[in-house]
Amino acid sequence: RHQVITQPHILAIRVDESLYFANSKYLEDHLQLLIAEKPTLEYLVLICSAINFIDASALESLERFGEDLKEAGVELCLAEVKGPVMDQLERGGFLERLGRDRVFLTPHDAMIALTEVVN
């Protein structure tokens, strides 16, 4: 809908639903299709502004997916994570394993930081 500047090494996707056992596999499958279309991809940024809750099953799936991405040379990043969801990620140890430098306040912050890394 809008003209935006894109980066071939960054894919930013907004997740428009809370994550739980019933939809986490669908999200993973959808993301894998999008990633397959971008051979130069280095970073996948999940924009989490609409995620109000993440259950243990979805968190486990997300963590496994992040590990698979890393093995493929793609870094998982998060942006605009709500406080209660951030608390869930913290309690589960996900943030520590992901790396706090991979969590951004806004998608804009993520794009600026990840573009500077490459340049």
PDB file of N, CA and C in Angstrom:
ATOM      1  N   ARG A   1       0.799  -1.213   0.000  1.00  0.00           N
ATOM      2  CA  ARG A   1       0.000   0.000   0.000  1.00  0.00           C
ATOM      3  C   ARG A   1       0.834   1.265   0.000  1.00  0.00           C
ATOM      4  N   HIS A   2       2.006   1.163   0.542  1.00  0.00           N
ATOM      5  CA  HIS A   2       2.849   2.346   0.682  1.00  0.00           C
ATOM      6  C   HIS A   2       4.206   2.092   0.050  1.00  0.00           C
ATOM      7  N   GLN A   3       4.757   3.129  -0.503  1.00  0.00           N
ATOM      8  CA  GLN A   3       6.114   3.049  -1.036  1.00  0.00           C
ATOM      9  C   GLN A   3       7.089   3.093   0.143  1.00  0.00           C
ATOM     10  N   VAL A   4       7.898   2.081   0.254  1.00  0.00           N
ATOM     11  CA  VAL A   4       8.884   2.037   1.333  1.00  0.00           C
ATOM     12  C   VAL A   4      10.234   1.646   0.750  1.00  0.00           C
ATOM     13  N   ILE A   5      11.264   1.980   1.468  1.00  0.00           N
ATOM     14  CA  ILE A   5      12.604   1.551   1.102  1.00  0.00           C
ATOM     15  C   ILE A   5      12.814   0.178   1.713  1.00  0.00           C
ATOM     16  N   THR A   6      13.247  -0.769   0.907  1.00  0.00           N
ATOM     17  CA  THR A   6      13.479  -2.121   1.413  1.00  0.00           C
ATOM     18  C   THR A   6      14.973  -2.413   1.411  1.00  0.00           C
ATOM     19  N   GLN A   7      15.341  -3.411   2.160  1.00  0.00           N
ATOM     20  CA  GLN A   7      16.715  -3.878   2.228  1.00  0.00           C
ATOM     21  C   GLN A   7      16.717  -5.360   1.855  1.00  0.00           C
ATOM     22  N   PRO A   8      17.567  -5.778   0.941  1.00  0.00           N
ATOM     23  CA  PRO A   8      17.547  -7.179   0.516  1.00  0.00           C
ATOM     24  C   PRO A   8      17.981  -8.160   1.604  1.00  0.00           C
ATOM     25  N   HIS A   9      18.653  -7.676   2.627  1.00  0.00           N
ATOM     26  CA  HIS A   9      19.147  -8.555   3.687  1.00  0.00           C
ATOM     27  C   HIS A   9      18.234  -8.577   4.921  1.00  0.00           C
ATOM     28  N   ILE A  10      17.132  -7.818   4.893  1.00  0.00           N
ATOM     29  CA  ILE A  10      16.218  -7.756   6.038  1.00  0.00           C
ATOM     30  C   ILE A  10      14.793  -8.050   5.581  1.00  0.00           C
ATOM     31  N   LEU A  11      14.124  -8.929   6.303  1.00  0.00           N
ATOM     32  CA  LEU A  11      12.698  -9.186   6.091  1.00  0.00           C
ATOM     33  C   LEU A  11      11.993  -8.857   7.396  1.00  0.00           C
ATOM     34  N   ALA A  12      11.086  -7.891   7.350  1.00  0.00           N
ATOM     35  CA  ALA A  12      10.326  -7.488   8.539  1.00  0.00           C
ATOM     36  C   ALA A  12       8.871  -7.889   8.323  1.00  0.00           C
ATOM     37  N   ILE A  13       8.335  -8.656   9.255  1.00  0.00           N
ATOM     38  CA  ILE A  13       6.974  -9.176   9.165  1.00  0.00           C
ATOM     39  C   ILE A  13       6.236  -8.844  10.461  1.00  0.00           C
ATOM     40  N   ARG A  14       5.060  -8.242  10.331  1.00  0.00           N
ATOM     41  CA  ARG A  14       4.243  -7.974  11.511  1.00  0.00           C
ATOM     42  C   ARG A  14       3.338  -9.178  11.770  1.00  0.00           C
ATOM     43  N   VAL A  15       3.376  -9.665  12.987  1.00  0.00           N
ATOM     44  CA  VAL A  15       2.517 -10.770  13.408  1.00  0.00           C
ATOM     45  C   VAL A  15       1.266 -10.149  14.018  1.00  0.00           C
ATOM     46  N   ASP A  16       0.108 -10.420  13.423  1.00  0.00           N
ATOM     47  CA  ASP A  16      -1.138  -9.767  13.830  1.00  0.00           C
ATOM     48  C   ASP A  16      -2.024 -10.620  14.727  1.00  0.00           C
ATOM     49  N   GLU A  17      -1.425 -11.428  15.565  1.00  0.00           N
ATOM     50  CA  GLU A  17      -2.207 -12.310  16.430  1.00  0.00           C
ATOM     51  C   GLU A  17      -1.318 -12.768  17.576  1.00  0.00           C
ATOM     52  N   SER A  18      -1.921 -13.030  18.713  1.00  0.00           N
ATOM     53  CA  SER A  18      -1.176 -13.658  19.794  1.00  0.00           C
ATOM     54  C   SER A  18      -0.718 -15.031  19.318  1.00  0.00           C
ATOM     55  N   LEU A  19       0.361 -15.524  19.906  1.00  0.00           N
ATOM     56  CA  LEU A  19       0.911 -16.807  19.479  1.00  0.00           C
ATOM     57  C   LEU A  19       0.573 -17.882  20.500  1.00  0.00           C
ATOM     58  N   TYR A  20       0.024 -18.968  19.993  1.00  0.00           N
ATOM     59  CA  TYR A  20      -0.322 -20.092  20.847  1.00  0.00           C
ATOM     60  C   TYR A  20      -0.209 -21.362  20.025  1.00  0.00           C
ATOM     61  N   PHE A  21      -0.414 -22.501  20.664  1.00  0.00           N
ATOM     62  CA  PHE A  21      -0.155 -23.793  20.033  1.00  0.00           C
ATOM     63  C   PHE A  21      -0.857 -23.971  18.690  1.00  0.00           C
ATOM     64  N   ALA A  22      -2.051 -23.409  18.522  1.00  0.00           N
ATOM     65  CA  ALA A  22      -2.839 -23.638  17.312  1.00  0.00           C
ATOM     66  C   ALA A  22      -2.337 -22.866  16.093  1.00  0.00           C
ATOM     67  N   ASN A  23      -1.611 -21.771  16.285  1.00  0.00           N
ATOM     68  CA  ASN A  23      -1.190 -21.000  15.123  1.00  0.00           C
ATOM     69  C   ASN A  23       0.326 -20.899  14.950  1.00  0.00           C
ATOM     70  N   SER A  24       1.098 -21.418  15.874  1.00  0.00           N
ATOM     71  CA  SER A  24       2.551 -21.253  15.783  1.00  0.00           C
ATOM     72  C   SER A  24       3.143 -22.024  14.599  1.00  0.00           C
ATOM     73  N   LYS A  25       2.621 -23.187  14.294  1.00  0.00           N
ATOM     74  CA  LYS A  25       3.118 -23.967  13.155  1.00  0.00           C
ATOM     75  C   LYS A  25       2.788 -23.252  11.840  1.00  0.00           C
ATOM     76  N   TYR A  26       1.590 -22.681  11.738  1.00  0.00           N
ATOM     77  CA  TYR A  26       1.216 -21.930  10.545  1.00  0.00           C
ATOM     78  C   TYR A  26       2.174 -20.758  10.336  1.00  0.00           C
ATOM     79  N   LEU A  27       2.456 -20.024  11.407  1.00  0.00           N
ATOM     80  CA  LEU A  27       3.370 -18.884  11.304  1.00  0.00           C
ATOM     81  C   LEU A  27       4.741 -19.353  10.835  1.00  0.00           C
ATOM     82  N   GLU A  28       5.234 -20.404  11.422  1.00  0.00           N
ATOM     83  CA  GLU A  28       6.549 -20.922  11.044  1.00  0.00           C
ATOM     84  C   GLU A  28       6.572 -21.327   9.566  1.00  0.00           C
ATOM     85  N   ASP A  29       5.564 -22.032   9.119  1.00  0.00           N
ATOM     86  CA  ASP A  29       5.496 -22.458   7.717  1.00  0.00           C
ATOM     87  C   ASP A  29       5.433 -21.255   6.777  1.00  0.00           C
ATOM     88  N   HIS A  30       4.641 -20.264   7.137  1.00  0.00           N
ATOM     89  CA  HIS A  30       4.502 -19.057   6.312  1.00  0.00           C
ATOM     90  C   HIS A  30       5.828 -18.302   6.235  1.00  0.00           C
ATOM     91  N   LEU A  31       6.496 -18.178   7.368  1.00  0.00           N
ATOM     92  CA  LEU A  31       7.782 -17.482   7.392  1.00  0.00           C
ATOM     93  C   LEU A  31       8.822 -18.224   6.557  1.00  0.00           C
ATOM     94  N   GLN A  32       8.818 -19.542   6.620  1.00  0.00           N
ATOM     95  CA  GLN A  32       9.776 -20.318   5.832  1.00  0.00           C
ATOM     96  C   GLN A  32       9.579 -20.090   4.334  1.00  0.00           C
ATOM     97  N   LEU A  33       8.329 -19.979   3.902  1.00  0.00           N
ATOM     98  CA  LEU A  33       8.062 -19.687   2.490  1.00  0.00           C
ATOM     99  C   LEU A  33       8.608 -18.320   2.088  1.00  0.00           C
ATOM    100  N   LEU A  34       8.386 -17.326   2.944  1.00  0.00           N
ATOM    101  CA  LEU A  34       8.884 -15.983   2.655  1.00  0.00           C
ATOM    102  C   LEU A  34      10.410 -15.929   2.648  1.00  0.00           C
ATOM    103  N   ILE A  35      11.012 -16.631   3.574  1.00  0.00           N
ATOM    104  CA  ILE A  35      12.475 -16.659   3.674  1.00  0.00           C
ATOM    105  C   ILE A  35      13.084 -17.321   2.444  1.00  0.00           C
ATOM    106  N   ALA A  36      12.442 -18.369   1.963  1.00  0.00           N
ATOM    107  CA  ALA A  36      12.949 -19.086   0.787  1.00  0.00           C
ATOM    108  C   ALA A  36      13.009 -18.190  -0.449  1.00  0.00           C
ATOM    109  N   GLU A  37      12.179 -17.155  -0.481  1.00  0.00           N
ATOM    110  CA  GLU A  37      12.154 -16.220  -1.612  1.00  0.00           C
ATOM    111  C   GLU A  37      13.242 -15.159  -1.533  1.00  0.00           C
ATOM    112  N   LYS A  38      14.004 -15.125  -0.442  1.00  0.00           N
ATOM    113  CA  LYS A  38      15.007 -14.066  -0.239  1.00  0.00           C
ATOM    114  C   LYS A  38      16.377 -14.694   0.032  1.00  0.00           C
ATOM    115  N   PRO A  39      17.098 -15.047  -1.020  1.00  0.00           N
ATOM    116  CA  PRO A  39      18.384 -15.730  -0.824  1.00  0.00           C
ATOM    117  C   PRO A  39      19.454 -14.876  -0.140  1.00  0.00           C
ATOM    118  N   THR A  40      19.301 -13.556  -0.146  1.00  0.00           N
ATOM    119  CA  THR A  40      20.296 -12.680   0.487  1.00  0.00           C
ATOM    120  C   THR A  40      19.932 -12.324   1.927  1.00  0.00           C
ATOM    121  N   LEU A  41      18.926 -12.977   2.464  1.00  0.00           N
ATOM    122  CA  LEU A  41      18.415 -12.625   3.790  1.00  0.00           C
ATOM    123  C   LEU A  41      19.443 -12.902   4.891  1.00  0.00           C
ATOM    124  N   GLU A  42      19.604 -11.913   5.774  1.00  0.00           N
ATOM    125  CA  GLU A  42      20.468 -12.051   6.947  1.00  0.00           C
ATOM    126  C   GLU A  42      19.697 -11.881   8.245  1.00  0.00           C
ATOM    127  N   TYR A  43      18.577 -11.119   8.194  1.00  0.00           N
ATOM    128  CA  TYR A  43      17.816 -10.834   9.403  1.00  0.00           C
ATOM    129  C   TYR A  43      16.323 -10.981   9.141  1.00  0.00           C
ATOM    130  N   LEU A  44      15.639 -11.662  10.040  1.00  0.00           N
ATOM    131  CA  LEU A  44      14.188 -11.720  10.049  1.00  0.00           C
ATOM    132  C   LEU A  44      13.721 -10.965  11.284  1.00  0.00           C
ATOM    133  N   VAL A  45      12.973  -9.900  11.066  1.00  0.00           N
ATOM    134  CA  VAL A  45      12.462  -9.083  12.167  1.00  0.00           C
ATOM    135  C   VAL A  45      10.978  -9.366  12.318  1.00  0.00           C
ATOM    136  N   LEU A  46      10.599  -9.913  13.457  1.00  0.00           N
ATOM    137  CA  LEU A  46       9.180 -10.107  13.760  1.00  0.00           C
ATOM    138  C   LEU A  46       8.696  -8.885  14.517  1.00  0.00           C
ATOM    139  N   ILE A  47       7.744  -8.187  13.916  1.00  0.00           N
ATOM    140  CA  ILE A  47       7.148  -7.016  14.557  1.00  0.00           C
ATOM    141  C   ILE A  47       6.004  -7.531  15.414  1.00  0.00           C
ATOM    142  N   CYS A  48       6.134  -7.350  16.707  1.00  0.00           N
ATOM    143  CA  CYS A  48       5.272  -8.018  17.684  1.00  0.00           C
ATOM    144  C   CYS A  48       4.216  -7.113  18.296  1.00  0.00           C
ATOM    145  N   SER A  49       3.910  -5.997  17.666  1.00  0.00           N
ATOM    146  CA  SER A  49       3.001  -5.017  18.252  1.00  0.00           C
ATOM    147  C   SER A  49       1.599  -5.552  18.512  1.00  0.00           C
ATOM    148  N   ALA A  50       1.160  -6.558  17.780  1.00  0.00           N
ATOM    149  CA  ALA A  50      -0.189  -7.105  17.967  1.00  0.00           C
ATOM    150  C   ALA A  50      -0.196  -8.385  18.799  1.00  0.00           C
ATOM    151  N   ILE A  51       0.961  -8.805  19.265  1.00  0.00           N
ATOM    152  CA  ILE A  51       1.031 -10.014  20.090  1.00  0.00           C
ATOM    153  C   ILE A  51       0.769  -9.626  21.537  1.00  0.00           C
ATOM    154  N   ASN A  52      -0.342 -10.097  22.070  1.00  0.00           N
ATOM    155  CA  ASN A  52      -0.696  -9.806  23.460  1.00  0.00           C
ATOM    156  C   ASN A  52      -0.327 -10.939  24.405  1.00  0.00           C
ATOM    157  N   PHE A  53      -0.113 -12.121  23.843  1.00  0.00           N
ATOM    158  CA  PHE A  53       0.145 -13.306  24.656  1.00  0.00           C
ATOM    159  C   PHE A  53       0.907 -14.321  23.815  1.00  0.00           C
ATOM    160  N   ILE A  54       1.794 -15.061  24.456  1.00  0.00           N
ATOM    161  CA  ILE A  54       2.470 -16.176  23.804  1.00  0.00           C
ATOM    162  C   ILE A  54       2.494 -17.336  24.784  1.00  0.00           C
ATOM    163  N   ASP A  55       1.959 -18.475  24.365  1.00  0.00           N
ATOM    164  CA  ASP A  55       1.930 -19.603  25.293  1.00  0.00           C
ATOM    165  C   ASP A  55       3.232 -20.400  25.202  1.00  0.00           C
ATOM    166  N   ALA A  56       3.393 -21.356  26.116  1.00  0.00           N
ATOM    167  CA  ALA A  56       4.641 -22.115  26.212  1.00  0.00           C
ATOM    168  C   ALA A  56       4.937 -22.892  24.934  1.00  0.00           C
ATOM    169  N   SER A  57       3.921 -23.432  24.310  1.00  0.00           N
ATOM    170  CA  SER A  57       4.102 -24.192  23.081  1.00  0.00           C
ATOM    171  C   SER A  57       4.618 -23.294  21.951  1.00  0.00           C
ATOM    172  N   ALA A  58       4.012 -22.135  21.801  1.00  0.00           N
ATOM    173  CA  ALA A  58       4.437 -21.204  20.758  1.00  0.00           C
ATOM    174  C   ALA A  58       5.837 -20.658  21.052  1.00  0.00           C
ATOM    175  N   LEU A  59       6.136 -20.435  22.311  1.00  0.00           N
ATOM    176  CA  LEU A  59       7.463 -19.952  22.685  1.00  0.00           C
ATOM    177  C   LEU A  59       8.521 -20.993  22.336  1.00  0.00           C
ATOM    178  N   GLU A  60       8.227 -22.245  22.623  1.00  0.00           N
ATOM    179  CA  GLU A  60       9.144 -23.331  22.279  1.00  0.00           C
ATOM    180  C   GLU A  60       9.329 -23.428  20.764  1.00  0.00           C
ATOM    181  N   SER A  61       8.243 -23.292  20.028  1.00  0.00           N
ATOM    182  CA  SER A  61       8.302 -23.323  18.568  1.00  0.00           C
ATOM    183  C   SER A  61       9.128 -22.156  18.028  1.00  0.00           C
ATOM    184  N   LEU A  62       8.921 -20.970  18.579  1.00  0.00           N
ATOM    185  CA  LEU A  62       9.662 -19.788  18.153  1.00  0.00           C
ATOM    186  C   LEU A  62      11.154 -19.948  18.433  1.00  0.00           C
ATOM    187  N   GLU A  63      11.473 -20.501  19.556  1.00  0.00           N
ATOM    188  CA  GLU A  63      12.874 -20.695  19.906  1.00  0.00           C
ATOM    189  C   GLU A  63      13.533 -21.704  18.962  1.00  0.00           C
ATOM    190  N   ARG A  64      12.860 -22.782  18.690  1.00  0.00           N
ATOM    191  CA  ARG A  64      13.367 -23.799  17.767  1.00  0.00           C
ATOM    192  C   ARG A  64      13.540 -23.197  16.359  1.00  0.00           C
ATOM    193  N   PHE A  65      12.546 -22.408  15.939  1.00  0.00           N
ATOM    194  CA  PHE A  65      12.607 -21.748  14.641  1.00  0.00           C
ATOM    195  C   PHE A  65      13.798 -20.797  14.571  1.00  0.00           C
ATOM    196  N   GLY A  66      14.032 -20.052  15.640  1.00  0.00           N
ATOM    197  CA  GLY A  66      15.175 -19.150  15.695  1.00  0.00           C
ATOM    198  C   GLY A  66      16.500 -19.884  15.577  1.00  0.00           C
ATOM    199  N   GLU A  67      16.585 -21.055  16.203  1.00  0.00           N
ATOM    200  CA  GLU A  67      17.799 -21.867  16.108  1.00  0.00           C
ATOM    201  C   GLU A  67      18.003 -22.376  14.683  1.00  0.00           C
ATOM    202  N   ASP A  68      16.912 -22.804  14.049  1.00  0.00           N
ATOM    203  CA  ASP A  68      16.990 -23.259  12.656  1.00  0.00           C
ATOM    204  C   ASP A  68      17.437 -22.128  11.735  1.00  0.00           C
ATOM    205  N   LEU A  69      16.906 -20.929  11.985  1.00  0.00           N
ATOM    206  CA  LEU A  69      17.305 -19.772  11.187  1.00  0.00           C
ATOM    207  C   LEU A  69      18.793 -19.506  11.339  1.00  0.00           C
ATOM    208  N   LYS A  70      19.254 -19.548  12.575  1.00  0.00           N
ATOM    209  CA  LYS A  70      20.664 -19.256  12.848  1.00  0.00           C
ATOM    210  C   LYS A  70      21.568 -20.232  12.105  1.00  0.00           C
ATOM    211  N   GLU A  71      21.177 -21.505  12.090  1.00  0.00           N
ATOM    212  CA  GLU A  71      21.954 -22.504  11.363  1.00  0.00           C
ATOM    213  C   GLU A  71      21.987 -22.202   9.867  1.00  0.00           C
ATOM    214  N   ALA A  72      20.935 -21.548   9.369  1.00  0.00           N
ATOM    215  CA  ALA A  72      20.857 -21.183   7.951  1.00  0.00           C
ATOM    216  C   ALA A  72      21.486 -19.817   7.673  1.00  0.00           C
ATOM    217  N   GLY A  73      22.061 -19.191   8.704  1.00  0.00           N
ATOM    218  CA  GLY A  73      22.726 -17.906   8.526  1.00  0.00           C
ATOM    219  C   GLY A  73      21.815 -16.696   8.630  1.00  0.00           C
ATOM    220  N   VAL A  74      20.636 -16.876   9.215  1.00  0.00           N
ATOM    221  CA  VAL A  74      19.677 -15.779   9.372  1.00  0.00           C
ATOM    222  C   VAL A  74      19.453 -15.540  10.863  1.00  0.00           C
ATOM    223  N   GLU A  75      19.535 -14.279  11.265  1.00  0.00           N
ATOM    224  CA  GLU A  75      19.322 -13.911  12.669  1.00  0.00           C
ATOM    225  C   GLU A  75      17.865 -13.508  12.895  1.00  0.00           C
ATOM    226  N   LEU A  76      17.254 -14.063  13.920  1.00  0.00           N
ATOM    227  CA  LEU A  76      15.904 -13.677  14.321  1.00  0.00           C
ATOM    228  C   LEU A  76      15.998 -12.450  15.215  1.00  0.00           C
ATOM    229  N   CYS A  77      15.150 -11.469  14.935  1.00  0.00           N
ATOM    230  CA  CYS A  77      15.074 -10.260  15.746  1.00  0.00           C
ATOM    231  C   CYS A  77      13.607  -9.976  16.060  1.00  0.00           C
ATOM    232  N   LEU A  78      13.364  -9.256  17.130  1.00  0.00           N
ATOM    233  CA  LEU A  78      12.017  -8.865  17.522  1.00  0.00           C
ATOM    234  C   LEU A  78      11.951  -7.351  17.629  1.00  0.00           C
ATOM    235  N   ALA A  79      10.780  -6.803  17.324  1.00  0.00           N
ATOM    236  CA  ALA A  79      10.588  -5.364  17.467  1.00  0.00           C
ATOM    237  C   ALA A  79       9.207  -5.103  18.033  1.00  0.00           C
ATOM    238  N   GLU A  80       9.113  -4.048  18.823  1.00  0.00           N
ATOM    239  CA  GLU A  80       7.846  -3.563  19.372  1.00  0.00           C
ATOM    240  C   GLU A  80       7.114  -4.634  20.191  1.00  0.00           C
ATOM    241  N   VAL A  81       7.866  -5.249  21.089  1.00  0.00           N
ATOM    242  CA  VAL A  81       7.307  -6.289  21.958  1.00  0.00           C
ATOM    243  C   VAL A  81       6.641  -5.615  23.153  1.00  0.00           C
ATOM    244  N   LYS A  82       5.386  -5.976  23.412  1.00  0.00           N
ATOM    245  CA  LYS A  82       4.649  -5.409  24.552  1.00  0.00           C
ATOM    246  C   LYS A  82       5.236  -5.913  25.863  1.00  0.00           C
ATOM    247  N   GLY A  83       5.085  -5.104  26.896  1.00  0.00           N
ATOM    248  CA  GLY A  83       5.632  -5.426  28.209  1.00  0.00           C
ATOM    249  C   GLY A  83       5.272  -6.807  28.729  1.00  0.00           C
ATOM    250  N   PRO A  84       3.983  -7.180  28.757  1.00  0.00           N
ATOM    251  CA  PRO A  84       3.627  -8.508  29.281  1.00  0.00           C
ATOM    252  C   PRO A  84       4.233  -9.655  28.463  1.00  0.00           C
ATOM    253  N   VAL A  85       4.341  -9.471  27.159  1.00  0.00           N
ATOM    254  CA  VAL A  85       4.958 -10.500  26.319  1.00  0.00           C
ATOM    255  C   VAL A  85       6.456 -10.544  26.581  1.00  0.00           C
ATOM    256  N   MET A  86       7.070  -9.381  26.740  1.00  0.00           N
ATOM    257  CA  MET A  86       8.494  -9.323  27.071  1.00  0.00           C
ATOM    258  C   MET A  86       8.755 -10.053  28.387  1.00  0.00           C
ATOM    259  N   ASP A  87       7.836  -9.879  29.348  1.00  0.00           N
ATOM    260  CA  ASP A  87       7.973 -10.583  30.627  1.00  0.00           C
ATOM    261  C   ASP A  87       7.933 -12.097  30.426  1.00  0.00           C
ATOM    262  N   GLN A  88       7.040 -12.569  29.558  1.00  0.00           N
ATOM    263  CA  GLN A  88       6.959 -14.009  29.270  1.00  0.00           C
ATOM    264  C   GLN A  88       8.250 -14.506  28.618  1.00  0.00           C
ATOM    265  N   LEU A  89       8.774 -13.733  27.684  1.00  0.00           N
ATOM    266  CA  LEU A  89      10.012 -14.120  27.011  1.00  0.00           C
ATOM    267  C   LEU A  89      11.179 -14.140  27.995  1.00  0.00           C
ATOM    268  N   GLU A  90      11.161 -13.198  28.918  1.00  0.00           N
ATOM    269  CA  GLU A  90      12.207 -13.125  29.942  1.00  0.00           C
ATOM    270  C   GLU A  90      12.139 -14.329  30.878  1.00  0.00           C
ATOM    271  N   ARG A  91      10.947 -14.605  31.387  1.00  0.00           N
ATOM    272  CA  ARG A  91      10.780 -15.720  32.333  1.00  0.00           C
ATOM    273  C   ARG A  91      11.186 -17.054  31.722  1.00  0.00           C
ATOM    274  N   GLY A  92      10.905 -17.232  30.446  1.00  0.00           N
ATOM    275  CA  GLY A  92      11.239 -18.486  29.781  1.00  0.00           C
ATOM    276  C   GLY A  92      12.694 -18.586  29.357  1.00  0.00           C
ATOM    277  N   GLY A  93      13.473 -17.529  29.556  1.00  0.00           N
ATOM    278  CA  GLY A  93      14.878 -17.525  29.178  1.00  0.00           C
ATOM    279  C   GLY A  93      15.110 -17.273  27.690  1.00  0.00           C
ATOM    280  N   PHE A  94      14.042 -17.019  26.951  1.00  0.00           N
ATOM    281  CA  PHE A  94      14.152 -16.807  25.510  1.00  0.00           C
ATOM    282  C   PHE A  94      15.008 -15.588  25.182  1.00  0.00           C
ATOM    283  N   LEU A  95      14.803 -14.493  25.898  1.00  0.00           N
ATOM    284  CA  LEU A  95      15.553 -13.259  25.606  1.00  0.00           C
ATOM    285  C   LEU A  95      17.049 -13.447  25.800  1.00  0.00           C
ATOM    286  N   GLU A  96      17.402 -14.172  26.812  1.00  0.00           N
ATOM    287  CA  GLU A  96      18.819 -14.426  27.076  1.00  0.00           C
ATOM    288  C   GLU A  96      19.449 -15.226  25.941  1.00  0.00           C
ATOM    289  N   ARG A  97      18.739 -16.235  25.471  1.00  0.00           N
ATOM    290  CA  ARG A  97      19.256 -17.068  24.384  1.00  0.00           C
ATOM    291  C   ARG A  97      19.237 -16.344  23.040  1.00  0.00           C
ATOM    292  N   LEU A  98      18.223 -15.528  22.808  1.00  0.00           N
ATOM    293  CA  LEU A  98      18.128 -14.771  21.557  1.00  0.00           C
ATOM    294  C   LEU A  98      19.219 -13.710  21.488  1.00  0.00           C
ATOM    295  N   GLY A  99      19.425 -13.051  22.612  1.00  0.00           N
ATOM    296  CA  GLY A  99      20.361 -11.932  22.679  1.00  0.00           C
ATOM    297  C   GLY A  99      19.584 -10.636  22.759  1.00  0.00           C
ATOM    298  N   ARG A 100      19.802  -9.892  23.798  1.00  0.00           N
ATOM    299  CA  ARG A 100      19.044  -8.654  24.007  1.00  0.00           C
ATOM    300  C   ARG A 100      19.310  -7.625  22.908  1.00  0.00           C
ATOM    301  N   ASP A 101      20.437  -7.763  22.221  1.00  0.00           N
ATOM    302  CA  ASP A 101      20.724  -6.848  21.127  1.00  0.00           C
ATOM    303  C   ASP A 101      19.904  -7.165  19.877  1.00  0.00           C
ATOM    304  N   ARG A 102      19.092  -8.194  19.939  1.00  0.00           N
ATOM    305  CA  ARG A 102      18.210  -8.583  18.832  1.00  0.00           C
ATOM    306  C   ARG A 102      16.757  -8.214  19.113  1.00  0.00           C
ATOM    307  N   VAL A 103      16.527  -7.413  20.153  1.00  0.00           N
ATOM    308  CA  VAL A 103      15.188  -6.926  20.486  1.00  0.00           C
ATOM    309  C   VAL A 103      15.216  -5.403  20.386  1.00  0.00           C
ATOM    310  N   PHE A 104      14.319  -4.862  19.565  1.00  0.00           N
ATOM    311  CA  PHE A 104      14.315  -3.433  19.278  1.00  0.00           C
ATOM    312  C   PHE A 104      13.002  -2.809  19.732  1.00  0.00           C
ATOM    313  N   LEU A 105      13.090  -1.559  20.166  1.00  0.00           N
ATOM    314  CA  LEU A 105      11.908  -0.846  20.631  1.00  0.00           C
ATOM    315  C   LEU A 105      10.900  -0.661  19.496  1.00  0.00           C
ATOM    316  N   THR A 106      11.380  -0.316  18.319  1.00  0.00           N
ATOM    317  CA  THR A 106      10.492  -0.094  17.168  1.00  0.00           C
ATOM    318  C   THR A 106      11.051  -0.791  15.930  1.00  0.00           C
ATOM    319  N   PRO A 107      10.206  -1.042  14.945  1.00  0.00           N
ATOM    320  CA  PRO A 107      10.711  -1.584  13.680  1.00  0.00           C
ATOM    321  C   PRO A 107      11.722  -0.636  13.018  1.00  0.00           C
ATOM    322  N   HIS A 108      11.480   0.656  13.153  1.00  0.00           N
ATOM    323  CA  HIS A 108      12.414   1.638  12.596  1.00  0.00           C
ATOM    324  C   HIS A 108      13.802   1.485  13.221  1.00  0.00           C
ATOM    325  N   ASP A 109      13.843   1.325  14.540  1.00  0.00           N
ATOM    326  CA  ASP A 109      15.117   1.117  15.224  1.00  0.00           C
ATOM    327  C   ASP A 109      15.819  -0.132  14.697  1.00  0.00           C
ATOM    328  N   ALA A 110      15.042  -1.179  14.477  1.00  0.00           N
ATOM    329  CA  ALA A 110      15.614  -2.428  13.955  1.00  0.00           C
ATOM    330  C   ALA A 110      16.214  -2.200  12.571  1.00  0.00           C
ATOM    331  N   MET A 111      15.464  -1.544  11.699  1.00  0.00           N
ATOM    332  CA  MET A 111      15.941  -1.324  10.333  1.00  0.00           C
ATOM    333  C   MET A 111      17.214  -0.475  10.324  1.00  0.00           C
ATOM    334  N   ILE A 112      17.249   0.561  11.140  1.00  0.00           N
ATOM    335  CA  ILE A 112      18.441   1.413  11.209  1.00  0.00           C
ATOM    336  C   ILE A 112      19.636   0.603  11.704  1.00  0.00           C
ATOM    337  N   ALA A 113      19.468  -0.104  12.809  1.00  0.00           N
ATOM    338  CA  ALA A 113      20.577  -0.864  13.398  1.00  0.00           C
ATOM    339  C   ALA A 113      21.059  -1.974  12.470  1.00  0.00           C
ATOM    340  N   LEU A 114      20.149  -2.696  11.858  1.00  0.00           N
ATOM    341  CA  LEU A 114      20.535  -3.830  11.022  1.00  0.00           C
ATOM    342  C   LEU A 114      21.092  -3.387   9.678  1.00  0.00           C
ATOM    343  N   THR A 115      20.707  -2.225   9.220  1.00  0.00           N
ATOM    344  CA  THR A 115      21.287  -1.677   7.993  1.00  0.00           C
ATOM    345  C   THR A 115      22.702  -1.200   8.265  1.00  0.00           C
ATOM    346  N   GLU A 116      22.921  -0.610   9.444  1.00  0.00           N
ATOM    347  CA  GLU A 116      24.267  -0.141   9.808  1.00  0.00           C
ATOM    348  C   GLU A 116      25.229  -1.298   9.988  1.00  0.00           C
ATOM    349  N   VAL A 117      24.744  -2.446  10.458  1.00  0.00           N
ATOM    350  CA  VAL A 117      25.587  -3.619  10.663  1.00  0.00           C
ATOM    351  C   VAL A 117      26.203  -4.060   9.336  1.00  0.00           C
ATOM    352  N   VAL A 118      25.407  -4.022   8.291  1.00  0.00           N
ATOM    353  CA  VAL A 118      25.868  -4.488   6.982  1.00  0.00           C
ATOM    354  C   VAL A 118      26.745  -3.453   6.296  1.00  0.00           C
ATOM    355  N   ASN A 119      26.434  -2.182   6.458  1.00  0.00           N
ATOM    356  CA  ASN A 119      27.199  -1.118   5.785  1.00  0.00           C
ATOM    357  C   ASN A 119      28.453  -0.808   6.504  1.00  0.00           C
TER     358      ASN A 119
END
